[in-house]
């Protein structure tokens, strides 16, 4: 299928290049509507709605969160008010080391 091409348009494109294309007054939809927000805000909103995070980034964040949780638990277990070898739980209670046998001390 061939299209009829105006020779003046072709000559202008060849001589003026891309600047001619920008100067063309095309149809009703040739220019975008004005934005009611800044381009930066529009881009941020668009990314927040449609952009999917990279699965590798999600995995790295999960590993990092798990490591921070492990460090927090480790620090909690060795808090100064926790006896040596004992474990402090998330609810604040402490447990003796496994295998500890308590005997009655009498007087």
C-alpha atoms as a PDB file:
ATOM      1  CA  UNK A   1       0.000   0.000   0.000  1.00  0.00           C
ATOM      2  CA  UNK A   2       1.432   3.381  -0.933  1.00  0.00           C
ATOM      3  CA  UNK A   3       0.575   6.711   0.561  1.00  0.00           C
ATOM      4  CA  UNK A   4       0.489   9.988  -1.256  1.00  0.00           C
ATOM      5  CA  UNK A   5       3.216  12.251   0.115  1.00  0.00           C
ATOM      6  CA  UNK A   6       3.325  15.999  -0.263  1.00  0.00           C
ATOM      7  CA  UNK A   7       6.676  16.845  -1.917  1.00  0.00           C
ATOM      8  CA  UNK A   8       6.937  20.122   0.017  1.00  0.00           C
ATOM      9  CA  UNK A   9       6.731  18.240   3.315  1.00  0.00           C
ATOM     10  CA  UNK A  10       9.413  15.770   2.207  1.00  0.00           C
ATOM     11  CA  UNK A  11      11.707  18.605   1.030  1.00  0.00           C
ATOM     12  CA  UNK A  12      11.252  20.467   4.325  1.00  0.00           C
ATOM     13  CA  UNK A  13      12.018  17.376   6.382  1.00  0.00           C
ATOM     14  CA  UNK A  14      15.184  16.731   4.380  1.00  0.00           C
ATOM     15  CA  UNK A  15      16.440  20.300   4.695  1.00  0.00           C
ATOM     16  CA  UNK A  16      15.347  21.199   8.248  1.00  0.00           C
ATOM     17  CA  UNK A  17      15.440  17.748   9.861  1.00  0.00           C
ATOM     18  CA  UNK A  18      13.856  17.104  13.224  1.00  0.00           C
ATOM     19  CA  UNK A  19      13.121  20.771  13.952  1.00  0.00           C
ATOM     20  CA  UNK A  20      10.526  20.708  11.178  1.00  0.00           C
ATOM     21  CA  UNK A  21       8.715  17.803  12.829  1.00  0.00           C
ATOM     22  CA  UNK A  22       8.445  19.773  16.076  1.00  0.00           C
ATOM     23  CA  UNK A  23       7.070  22.792  14.224  1.00  0.00           C
ATOM     24  CA  UNK A  24       4.327  20.832  12.491  1.00  0.00           C
ATOM     25  CA  UNK A  25       0.893  21.629  13.778  1.00  0.00           C
ATOM     26  CA  UNK A  26      -0.524  18.157  13.664  1.00  0.00           C
ATOM     27  CA  UNK A  27      -3.913  17.149  14.974  1.00  0.00           C
ATOM     28  CA  UNK A  28      -5.903  17.723  18.130  1.00  0.00           C
ATOM     29  CA  UNK A  29      -3.919  15.162  20.127  1.00  0.00           C
ATOM     30  CA  UNK A  30      -0.441  16.320  19.125  1.00  0.00           C
ATOM     31  CA  UNK A  31       0.398  18.140  22.353  1.00  0.00           C
ATOM     32  CA  UNK A  32      -0.092  16.837  25.889  1.00  0.00           C
ATOM     33  CA  UNK A  33      -2.519  18.397  28.293  1.00  0.00           C
ATOM     34  CA  UNK A  34      -0.977  20.624  30.953  1.00  0.00           C
ATOM     35  CA  UNK A  35      -0.103  18.893  34.223  1.00  0.00           C
ATOM     36  CA  UNK A  36      -1.795  19.946  37.434  1.00  0.00           C
ATOM     37  CA  UNK A  37       1.246  18.612  39.370  1.00  0.00           C
ATOM     38  CA  UNK A  38       4.984  18.887  38.741  1.00  0.00           C
ATOM     39  CA  UNK A  39       6.698  16.371  36.450  1.00  0.00           C
ATOM     40  CA  UNK A  40       8.698  15.032  39.418  1.00  0.00           C
ATOM     41  CA  UNK A  41       5.603  14.477  41.555  1.00  0.00           C
ATOM     42  CA  UNK A  42       3.832  12.841  38.612  1.00  0.00           C
ATOM     43  CA  UNK A  43       6.787  10.477  38.060  1.00  0.00           C
ATOM     44  CA  UNK A  44       6.944   9.575  41.769  1.00  0.00           C
ATOM     45  CA  UNK A  45       3.218   8.851  41.894  1.00  0.00           C
ATOM     46  CA  UNK A  46       3.400   6.795  38.701  1.00  0.00           C
ATOM     47  CA  UNK A  47       6.287   4.707  40.084  1.00  0.00           C
ATOM     48  CA  UNK A  48       4.515   4.213  43.403  1.00  0.00           C
ATOM     49  CA  UNK A  49       1.427   2.885  41.634  1.00  0.00           C
ATOM     50  CA  UNK A  50       2.825   0.884  38.726  1.00  0.00           C
ATOM     51  CA  UNK A  51       6.501   0.125  39.331  1.00  0.00           C
ATOM     52  CA  UNK A  52       7.209  -3.335  40.680  1.00  0.00           C
ATOM     53  CA  UNK A  53      10.335  -3.670  42.825  1.00  0.00           C
ATOM     54  CA  UNK A  54      13.126  -5.931  41.633  1.00  0.00           C
ATOM     55  CA  UNK A  55      12.793  -9.391  43.292  1.00  0.00           C
ATOM     56  CA  UNK A  56      16.508  -9.295  44.162  1.00  0.00           C
ATOM     57  CA  UNK A  57      16.005  -6.081  46.125  1.00  0.00           C
ATOM     58  CA  UNK A  58      13.107  -7.630  48.037  1.00  0.00           C
ATOM     59  CA  UNK A  59      15.201 -10.703  48.865  1.00  0.00           C
ATOM     60  CA  UNK A  60      18.154  -8.583  50.033  1.00  0.00           C
ATOM     61  CA  UNK A  61      15.862  -6.499  52.250  1.00  0.00           C
ATOM     62  CA  UNK A  62      14.366  -9.653  53.752  1.00  0.00           C
ATOM     63  CA  UNK A  63      17.822 -11.095  54.493  1.00  0.00           C
ATOM     64  CA  UNK A  64      18.877  -7.791  56.030  1.00  0.00           C
ATOM     65  CA  UNK A  65      15.744  -7.656  58.210  1.00  0.00           C
ATOM     66  CA  UNK A  66      16.322 -11.226  59.404  1.00  0.00           C
ATOM     67  CA  UNK A  67      19.944 -10.423  60.282  1.00  0.00           C
ATOM     68  CA  UNK A  68      18.919  -7.314  62.236  1.00  0.00           C
ATOM     69  CA  UNK A  69      16.330  -9.393  64.097  1.00  0.00           C
ATOM     70  CA  UNK A  70      18.978 -12.013  64.914  1.00  0.00           C
ATOM     71  CA  UNK A  71      21.352  -9.320  66.189  1.00  0.00           C
ATOM     72  CA  UNK A  72      18.577  -7.750  68.282  1.00  0.00           C
ATOM     73  CA  UNK A  73      17.763 -11.116  69.838  1.00  0.00           C
ATOM     74  CA  UNK A  74      21.451 -11.748  70.487  1.00  0.00           C
ATOM     75  CA  UNK A  75      21.817  -8.367  72.184  1.00  0.00           C
ATOM     76  CA  UNK A  76      18.653  -8.957  74.168  1.00  0.00           C
ATOM     77  CA  UNK A  77      19.906 -12.346  75.352  1.00  0.00           C
ATOM     78  CA  UNK A  78      23.088 -10.775  76.711  1.00  0.00           C
ATOM     79  CA  UNK A  79      21.481  -7.731  78.327  1.00  0.00           C
ATOM     80  CA  UNK A  80      23.291  -6.645  81.528  1.00  0.00           C
ATOM     81  CA  UNK A  81      20.376  -7.641  83.775  1.00  0.00           C
ATOM     82  CA  UNK A  82      20.311 -11.179  82.329  1.00  0.00           C
ATOM     83  CA  UNK A  83      22.422 -13.727  84.235  1.00  0.00           C
ATOM     84  CA  UNK A  84      25.261 -15.277  82.245  1.00  0.00           C
ATOM     85  CA  UNK A  85      24.038 -18.190  80.134  1.00  0.00           C
ATOM     86  CA  UNK A  86      20.379 -17.347  80.646  1.00  0.00           C
ATOM     87  CA  UNK A  87      18.060 -16.301  77.809  1.00  0.00           C
ATOM     88  CA  UNK A  88      15.803 -13.237  77.799  1.00  0.00           C
ATOM     89  CA  UNK A  89      12.615 -13.773  75.773  1.00  0.00           C
ATOM     90  CA  UNK A  90      10.620 -11.201  73.788  1.00  0.00           C
ATOM     91  CA  UNK A  91       8.021 -11.037  76.557  1.00  0.00           C
ATOM     92  CA  UNK A  92      10.758 -10.011  79.039  1.00  0.00           C
ATOM     93  CA  UNK A  93      10.948 -13.329  80.886  1.00  0.00           C
ATOM     94  CA  UNK A  94      14.263 -15.123  81.341  1.00  0.00           C
ATOM     95  CA  UNK A  95      15.045 -18.841  81.161  1.00  0.00           C
ATOM     96  CA  UNK A  96      17.964 -20.748  82.610  1.00  0.00           C
ATOM     97  CA  UNK A  97      20.355 -22.621  80.337  1.00  0.00           C
ATOM     98  CA  UNK A  98      19.098 -25.968  79.034  1.00  0.00           C
ATOM     99  CA  UNK A  99      19.820 -28.857  81.365  1.00  0.00           C
ATOM    100  CA  UNK A 100      19.920 -26.708  84.495  1.00  0.00           C
ATOM    101  CA  UNK A 101      18.841 -28.666  87.567  1.00  0.00           C
ATOM    102  CA  UNK A 102      17.573 -26.740  90.547  1.00  0.00           C
ATOM    103  CA  UNK A 103      17.985 -28.186  94.006  1.00  0.00           C
ATOM    104  CA  UNK A 104      16.309 -27.136  97.184  1.00  0.00           C
ATOM    105  CA  UNK A 105      18.476 -25.297  99.596  1.00  0.00           C
ATOM    106  CA  UNK A 106      17.429 -25.692 103.094  1.00  0.00           C
ATOM    107  CA  UNK A 107      18.412 -24.265 106.267  1.00  0.00           C
END
